[in-house]
Protein backbone atom coordinates (compact mmCIF):
# COMPACT_ATOMS: atom_id res chain seq x y z
CA UNK A 1 -0.02 0.00 -0.02
CA UNK A 2 1.51 3.29 -1.10
CA UNK A 3 0.44 6.65 0.32
CA UNK A 4 1.43 9.87 -1.49
CA UNK A 5 1.36 13.36 -0.03
CA UNK A 6 1.46 15.81 -2.92
CA UNK A 7 1.20 19.45 -3.96
CA UNK A 8 3.20 20.54 -0.94
CA UNK A 9 6.12 22.72 0.06
CA UNK A 10 8.61 20.15 1.34
CA UNK A 11 10.92 21.54 4.06
CA UNK A 12 13.83 19.14 4.56
CA UNK A 13 17.63 19.07 4.52
CA UNK A 14 17.96 22.86 4.54
CA UNK A 15 15.73 23.71 1.62
CA UNK A 16 12.08 24.37 0.70
CA UNK A 17 10.93 22.50 -2.43
CA UNK A 18 7.74 23.75 -4.06
CA UNK A 19 5.13 21.47 -5.68
CA UNK A 20 6.71 18.49 -3.96
CA UNK A 21 5.46 15.03 -3.23
CA UNK A 22 6.57 12.20 -0.89
CA UNK A 23 5.51 8.56 -1.20
CA UNK A 24 5.34 6.18 1.77
CA UNK A 25 5.32 2.37 1.64
CA UNK A 26 5.91 -0.30 4.32
CA UNK A 27 6.57 2.40 6.97
CA UNK A 28 9.36 4.13 5.08
CA UNK A 29 9.82 6.86 2.55
CA UNK A 30 9.67 5.14 -0.87
CA UNK A 31 10.43 8.11 -3.10
CA UNK A 32 9.97 11.85 -3.48
CA UNK A 33 9.93 14.36 -6.22
CA UNK A 34 8.15 17.35 -7.79
CA UNK A 35 5.23 17.82 -10.10
CA UNK A 36 3.11 14.84 -11.22
CA UNK A 37 5.70 12.08 -11.14
CA UNK A 38 3.82 10.42 -8.25
CA UNK A 39 1.00 9.49 -10.60
CA UNK A 40 3.22 6.76 -12.02
CA UNK A 41 3.24 4.94 -8.69
CA UNK A 42 0.66 2.33 -7.60
CA UNK A 43 -1.02 4.68 -5.20
CA UNK A 44 -3.55 3.42 -2.67
CA UNK A 45 -4.11 6.87 -1.05
CA UNK A 46 -3.30 10.35 -2.22
CA UNK A 47 -3.36 13.33 0.13
CA UNK A 48 -3.58 16.75 -1.53
CA UNK A 49 -1.57 19.49 0.14
CA UNK A 50 -4.01 22.12 -0.95
CA UNK A 51 -2.55 23.16 -4.26
CA UNK A 52 0.96 23.76 -2.89
CA UNK A 53 0.00 25.97 0.09
CA UNK A 54 0.76 23.42 2.85
CA UNK A 55 4.16 22.63 4.23
CA UNK A 56 5.49 19.10 4.85
CA UNK A 57 8.36 18.44 7.24
CA UNK A 58 9.92 15.39 8.74
CA UNK A 59 8.40 14.28 12.06
CA UNK A 60 9.72 16.31 14.95
CA UNK A 61 12.21 14.63 17.33
CA UNK A 62 12.22 15.81 20.97
CA UNK A 63 15.26 14.72 22.91
CA UNK A 64 14.30 16.47 26.16
CA UNK A 65 10.80 16.51 27.60
CA UNK A 66 9.20 15.36 30.81
CA UNK A 67 5.46 14.95 30.09
CA UNK A 68 2.23 16.54 28.98
CA UNK A 69 -1.55 16.25 29.15
CA UNK A 70 -1.39 16.32 32.93
CA UNK A 71 1.01 13.31 33.08
CA UNK A 72 4.72 12.91 33.71
CA UNK A 73 7.12 10.43 32.14
CA UNK A 74 8.34 9.52 35.64
CA UNK A 75 4.97 7.98 36.55
CA UNK A 76 4.81 4.83 34.52
CA UNK A 77 3.46 3.40 31.27
CA UNK A 78 -0.05 4.86 31.38
CA UNK A 79 1.21 8.40 32.13
CA UNK A 80 3.78 8.04 29.34
CA UNK A 81 1.08 7.07 26.89
CA UNK A 82 -1.05 10.08 27.87
CA UNK A 83 1.79 12.53 27.55
CA UNK A 84 3.10 11.11 24.27
CA UNK A 85 -0.35 11.41 22.69
CA UNK A 86 -0.36 15.11 23.41
CA UNK A 87 3.00 15.75 21.86
CA UNK A 88 2.37 13.41 18.90
CA UNK A 89 -0.70 15.51 18.01
CA UNK A 90 1.66 18.51 17.85
CA UNK A 91 4.10 16.85 15.48
CA UNK A 92 6.52 15.09 17.81
CA UNK A 93 6.66 11.66 16.22
CA UNK A 94 9.69 10.36 18.09
CA UNK A 95 10.83 11.31 21.62
CA UNK A 96 13.39 10.60 24.27
CA UNK A 97 11.64 10.53 27.67
CA UNK A 98 13.37 12.64 30.28
CA UNK A 99 13.42 11.62 33.92
CA UNK A 100 13.97 14.14 36.72
CA UNK A 101 16.30 13.58 39.69
CA UNK A 102 15.34 10.65 41.92
CA UNK A 103 17.20 8.00 43.90
CA UNK A 104 19.30 5.56 41.90
CA UNK A 105 16.89 2.77 42.82
CA UNK A 106 13.91 4.74 41.51
CA UNK A 107 15.73 5.81 38.36
CA UNK A 108 16.75 2.20 37.68
CA UNK A 109 13.13 1.11 37.85
CA UNK A 110 11.92 3.99 35.67
CA UNK A 111 14.61 3.42 33.04
CA UNK A 112 13.54 -0.22 32.98
CA UNK A 113 9.91 0.78 32.34
CA UNK A 114 10.96 2.94 29.42
CA UNK A 115 13.19 0.17 28.05
CA UNK A 116 10.19 -2.17 28.10
CA UNK A 117 8.02 0.38 26.30
CA UNK A 118 10.72 1.13 23.70
CA UNK A 119 10.70 -2.56 22.73
CA UNK A 120 6.95 -2.33 21.86
CA UNK A 121 6.75 1.34 20.64
CA UNK A 122 9.47 2.52 18.31
CA UNK A 123 8.29 6.17 18.68
CA UNK A 124 9.85 6.04 22.18
CA UNK A 125 13.56 6.44 21.49
CA UNK A 126 14.71 5.76 25.04
CA UNK A 127 15.36 7.69 28.24
CA UNK A 128 17.20 10.82 29.29
CA UNK A 129 18.57 11.01 32.82
CA UNK A 130 18.39 14.66 33.90
CA UNK A 131 20.03 14.03 37.21
CA UNK A 132 20.98 13.15 39.83
CA UNK A 133 24.57 14.15 38.94
CA UNK A 134 23.90 17.89 39.02
CA UNK A 135 25.33 20.96 40.74
CA UNK A 136 23.33 22.01 43.79
CA UNK A 137 23.82 25.68 42.97
CA UNK A 138 22.14 25.19 39.54
CA UNK A 139 19.60 22.59 40.55
CA UNK A 140 16.60 24.29 38.95
CA UNK A 141 13.49 22.13 39.53
CA UNK A 142 15.41 19.17 41.03
CA UNK A 143 15.25 17.94 44.65
CA UNK A 144 18.43 19.14 46.33
CA UNK A 145 18.66 16.27 48.78
CA UNK A 146 18.87 13.74 45.97
CA UNK A 147 21.65 15.41 44.02
CA UNK A 148 25.02 13.62 44.20
CA UNK A 149 28.33 13.10 42.51
CA UNK A 150 28.52 10.18 40.04
CA UNK A 151 30.22 6.91 40.80
CA UNK A 152 31.06 4.00 38.53
CA UNK A 153 28.64 1.54 40.21
CA UNK A 154 25.65 3.88 39.88
CA UNK A 155 26.46 4.67 36.27
CA UNK A 156 26.69 0.98 35.45
CA UNK A 157 23.35 0.22 37.16
CA UNK A 158 21.57 2.93 35.16
CA UNK A 159 23.13 1.83 31.88
CA UNK A 160 22.31 -1.83 32.54
CA UNK A 161 18.74 -1.05 33.44
CA UNK A 162 18.22 0.68 30.06
CA UNK A 163 19.42 -2.29 28.04
CA UNK A 164 20.71 0.05 25.36
CA UNK A 165 17.85 2.60 25.62
CA UNK A 166 19.50 5.23 27.82
CA UNK A 167 20.03 7.82 25.10
CA UNK A 168 21.19 10.84 27.03
CA UNK A 169 22.36 11.89 30.49
CA UNK A 170 22.79 15.40 31.83
CA UNK A 171 25.56 15.89 34.41
CA UNK A 172 27.76 18.60 35.88
CA UNK A 173 31.29 17.58 34.80
CA UNK A 174 33.00 19.61 37.53
CA UNK A 175 31.64 17.27 40.24
CA UNK A 176 34.04 14.71 41.66
CA UNK A 177 34.06 11.82 39.21
CA UNK A 178 32.33 13.87 36.54
CA UNK A 179 34.82 13.34 33.76
CA UNK A 180 35.18 9.62 34.56
CA UNK A 181 31.44 9.27 34.47
CA UNK A 182 31.31 11.10 31.17
CA UNK A 183 33.75 8.61 29.63
CA UNK A 184 31.85 5.69 31.16
CA UNK A 185 28.49 6.81 29.73
CA UNK A 186 30.01 7.57 26.34
CA UNK A 187 31.66 4.12 26.21
CA UNK A 188 28.16 2.68 26.80
CA UNK A 189 26.72 4.58 23.87
CA UNK A 190 25.00 7.32 25.87
CA UNK A 191 25.09 10.94 24.71
CA UNK A 192 26.41 13.06 27.58
CA UNK A 193 25.15 16.61 28.08
CA UNK A 194 26.77 19.25 30.20
CA UNK A 195 24.04 20.90 32.24
CA UNK A 196 22.79 22.03 35.64
CA UNK A 197 26.42 22.94 36.12
CA UNK A 198 28.79 25.56 37.52
CA UNK A 199 31.48 24.58 35.03
CA UNK A 200 34.00 27.09 33.77
CA UNK A 201 34.81 27.25 30.05
CA UNK A 202 37.86 25.02 30.67
CA UNK A 203 35.87 22.51 32.70
CA UNK A 204 33.14 22.32 30.02
CA UNK A 205 35.80 21.96 27.30
CA UNK A 206 37.38 19.12 29.28
CA UNK A 207 33.99 17.34 29.31
CA UNK A 208 33.63 17.77 25.55
CA UNK A 209 37.13 16.33 25.13
CA UNK A 210 36.06 13.44 27.31
CA UNK A 211 33.15 12.74 24.93
CA UNK A 212 30.27 14.94 26.01
CA UNK A 213 28.41 16.21 22.91
CA UNK A 214 25.45 18.23 24.22
CA UNK A 215 24.65 21.28 26.32
CA UNK A 216 21.38 20.88 28.23
CA UNK A 217 18.91 23.73 27.73
CA UNK A 218 21.59 26.31 26.92
CA UNK A 219 21.69 29.49 29.05
CA UNK A 220 19.53 27.88 31.76
CA UNK A 221 20.91 26.32 34.91
CA UNK A 222 24.50 27.29 34.13
CA UNK A 223 26.79 30.33 34.34
CA UNK A 224 25.98 32.95 31.76
CA UNK A 225 28.40 34.51 29.29
CA UNK A 226 30.68 36.99 30.98
CA UNK A 227 33.33 38.96 29.03
CA UNK A 228 36.07 37.63 31.32
CA UNK A 229 34.49 34.21 32.10
CA UNK A 230 32.96 32.77 28.92
CA UNK A 231 31.61 29.73 30.70
CA UNK A 232 30.12 26.50 29.26
CA UNK A 233 27.92 28.28 26.68
CA UNK A 234 30.85 29.75 24.76
CA UNK A 235 32.76 26.50 25.18
CA UNK A 236 29.86 24.72 23.46
CA UNK A 237 29.43 27.31 20.73
CA UNK A 238 33.13 27.11 19.82
CA UNK A 239 33.17 23.26 19.67
CA UNK A 240 31.82 21.86 16.38
CA UNK A 241 31.22 18.48 18.11
CA UNK A 242 28.59 19.95 20.45
CA UNK A 243 24.85 20.38 19.97
CA UNK A 244 23.13 23.04 22.07
CA UNK A 245 19.58 22.46 23.32
CA UNK A 246 17.27 25.51 23.40
CA UNK A 247 13.81 26.04 24.84
CA UNK A 248 11.97 28.54 22.64
CA UNK A 249 8.92 29.10 24.89
CA UNK A 250 9.28 32.86 25.48
CA UNK A 251 10.23 32.33 29.15
CA UNK A 252 13.56 30.44 29.24
CA UNK A 253 15.55 32.43 26.64
CA UNK A 254 15.05 35.87 25.16
CA UNK A 255 14.32 35.78 21.40
CA UNK A 256 17.43 37.86 20.65
CA UNK A 257 19.58 35.35 22.58
CA UNK A 258 17.97 32.52 20.66
CA UNK A 259 18.96 34.32 17.41
CA UNK A 260 22.46 34.72 18.75
CA UNK A 261 22.74 31.02 19.47
CA UNK A 262 21.59 30.04 15.97
CA UNK A 263 24.08 32.51 14.49
CA UNK A 264 27.01 31.31 16.52
CA UNK A 265 26.30 27.57 16.26
CA UNK A 266 24.56 27.11 12.90
CA UNK A 267 23.32 23.55 12.35
CA UNK A 268 24.00 22.67 15.95
CA UNK A 269 20.87 23.98 17.77
CA UNK A 270 18.26 21.37 18.85
CA UNK A 271 14.93 22.87 19.84
CA UNK A 272 13.52 20.94 22.78
CA UNK A 273 10.34 21.32 24.79
CA UNK A 274 11.56 20.44 28.31
CA UNK A 275 7.81 20.09 28.71
CA UNK A 276 6.35 19.04 32.06
CA UNK A 277 2.87 17.65 32.75
CA UNK A 278 1.05 20.94 32.09
CA UNK A 279 1.93 20.90 28.35
CA UNK A 280 -1.32 20.58 26.53
CA UNK A 281 -3.23 21.00 29.77
CA UNK A 282 -4.68 23.83 31.84
CA UNK A 283 -2.87 26.25 34.13
CA UNK A 284 -2.94 25.18 37.75
CA UNK A 285 -0.99 23.15 40.32
CA UNK A 286 1.30 20.34 39.36
CA UNK A 287 4.26 18.29 40.68
CA UNK A 288 7.63 17.78 39.09
CA UNK A 289 9.99 15.32 40.67
CA UNK A 290 8.17 15.66 44.02
CA UNK A 291 8.29 19.46 43.94
CA UNK A 292 5.17 21.62 43.88
CA UNK A 293 4.78 23.65 40.63
CA UNK A 294 2.20 26.28 39.71
CA UNK A 295 1.51 27.16 36.09
CA UNK A 296 0.17 30.67 35.36
CA UNK A 297 -0.31 31.83 31.76
CA UNK A 298 1.71 28.92 30.55
CA UNK A 299 4.75 29.63 32.77
CA UNK A 300 5.67 26.81 35.16
CA UNK A 301 7.50 27.81 38.31
CA UNK A 302 8.34 26.10 41.60
CA UNK A 303 6.09 27.13 44.52
CA UNK A 304 9.18 27.39 46.72
CA UNK A 305 11.89 29.66 45.24
CA UNK A 306 10.12 30.46 41.98
CA UNK A 307 12.60 28.71 39.68
CA UNK A 308 11.35 27.84 36.19
CA UNK A 309 10.12 24.26 36.31
CA UNK A 310 10.24 22.95 32.80
CA UNK A 311 7.82 24.37 30.17
CA UNK A 312 4.38 23.90 28.73
CA UNK A 313 5.80 23.98 25.20
CA UNK A 314 5.02 21.82 22.22
CA UNK A 315 7.41 21.60 19.28
CA UNK A 316 5.03 23.14 16.76
CA UNK A 317 4.72 26.21 19.03
CA UNK A 318 8.52 26.39 19.18
CA UNK A 319 8.67 26.35 15.43
CA UNK A 320 6.22 29.21 15.10
CA UNK A 321 8.04 31.23 17.73
CA UNK A 322 11.53 31.03 16.19
CA UNK A 323 10.25 31.66 12.66
CA UNK A 324 8.33 34.69 13.95
CA UNK A 325 11.62 35.85 15.44
CA UNK A 326 13.27 35.84 12.02
CA UNK A 327 14.87 32.39 11.74
CA UNK A 328 14.57 30.96 8.23
CA UNK A 329 12.04 28.11 8.08
CA UNK A 330 14.57 25.46 6.87
CA UNK A 331 16.89 26.19 9.79
CA UNK A 332 14.00 26.11 12.26
CA UNK A 333 12.78 22.78 10.86
CA UNK A 334 16.25 21.27 11.03
CA UNK A 335 16.45 22.25 14.69
CA UNK A 336 13.37 20.10 15.33
CA UNK A 337 14.32 17.17 13.12
CA UNK A 338 17.78 16.57 11.69
CA UNK A 339 19.83 18.14 14.49
CA UNK A 340 18.25 16.37 17.48
CA UNK A 341 18.24 13.07 15.59
CA UNK A 342 21.94 13.47 14.91
CA UNK A 343 22.61 14.38 18.54
CA UNK A 344 21.42 11.04 19.78
CA UNK A 345 22.72 8.94 16.90
CA UNK A 346 19.49 8.19 15.02
CA UNK A 347 20.04 10.43 11.98
CA UNK A 348 19.19 8.84 8.65
CA UNK A 349 16.40 6.78 10.09
CA UNK A 350 14.63 9.72 11.70
CA UNK A 351 14.58 13.49 11.19
CA UNK A 352 14.52 13.36 7.41
CA UNK A 353 12.15 12.50 4.53
CA UNK A 354 14.86 11.10 2.27
CA UNK A 355 14.07 7.68 0.70
CA UNK A 356 14.65 4.90 3.17
CA UNK A 357 13.96 7.00 6.27
CA UNK A 358 11.01 6.27 8.54
CA UNK A 359 7.77 7.70 7.06
CA UNK A 360 7.29 10.25 9.83
CA UNK A 361 5.90 13.56 8.64
CA UNK A 362 4.10 16.64 9.72
CA UNK A 363 1.80 18.72 7.50
CA UNK A 364 1.38 22.42 8.42
CA UNK A 365 -0.73 25.21 7.03
CA UNK A 366 0.75 28.52 5.96
CA UNK A 367 0.61 29.71 9.60
CA UNK A 368 2.63 26.62 10.68
CA UNK A 369 -0.29 25.03 12.50
CA UNK A 370 -0.30 21.23 12.40
CA UNK A 371 -2.94 19.78 10.11
CA UNK A 372 -1.70 16.22 9.83
CA UNK A 373 0.84 13.82 11.41
CA UNK A 374 2.10 10.50 10.01
CA UNK A 375 4.13 7.88 11.93
CA UNK A 376 5.60 5.04 9.95
CA UNK A 377 3.42 6.12 7.01
CA UNK A 378 0.16 5.94 8.99
CA UNK A 379 -1.83 9.06 9.70
CA UNK A 380 -2.26 9.48 13.48
């Protein structure tokens, strides 16, 4: 059975192609082209893009999010299904599920749940451990009493529990054992992100030399850029091996700073949601990692201390926000697709609509609102 989406503006691999079509078969991209070439295929279903007015992009890949629809990824299979449904409707076809700081025993159990789910649901790419190896002074919405320095035994337990599905870990490399843990995670195939850290530029650079390849939600929960102390942000911007996560929700990072990041690290910005349970749900009272959170006008903050506690963002909203701020559409789409897929080692299969890739796609109207989502070639 072949499905063709046609008469579209295809946004992929850094370009916009007018009057484009993409054909799906057996869960993968079969072919693509322009004009009426698709009519030569044995088409079972044809979806008209509205005479060329709609956009088609690869499915969005979120490598850092905590929940949605009133549910958190920390709370088991049912909660994960609820939250994933919300984000899938907004174009996120594949996601890494982020877990907040908890005890090692609890994290081992939660990583195991996600590993089980990933075996049955390929849209779940694995887990992201955001903690507990974080700096107390930059803890954000993490429980201070559970933060700790890494040790080889704990790292091994977490990796083993994931059975190859721990995709990413955020840690503060300046902690005792931080660089050794970085090397241990990297050797196990885990992408290490510098974050929730007090690292200097030199300490961050040492982590990147040890194998870290990400900066967790750049500008947040880390020293800012100072003209005599560049810090981890500049270290990441100057290192071509490093991808910088950004939260484009209007609260975490000023639009002009977002523009600066894209200018200084072109092709290396991954737009993430860092979404907590309130994404796709109403304002009100929530909990994140055992901490009370209140959401007002879409902004989530801890009840005690007022720190930003994740976001209520969806990836389509991030797309609209950065494009409205002046970022060219192809660069914005890449930051939601190609770049995050590359950051966790799944590029080629996901984050692209080239032939052979998974048939994950998002159709958007001319205002960049989602009008259709396909996963493995099936409209969801």
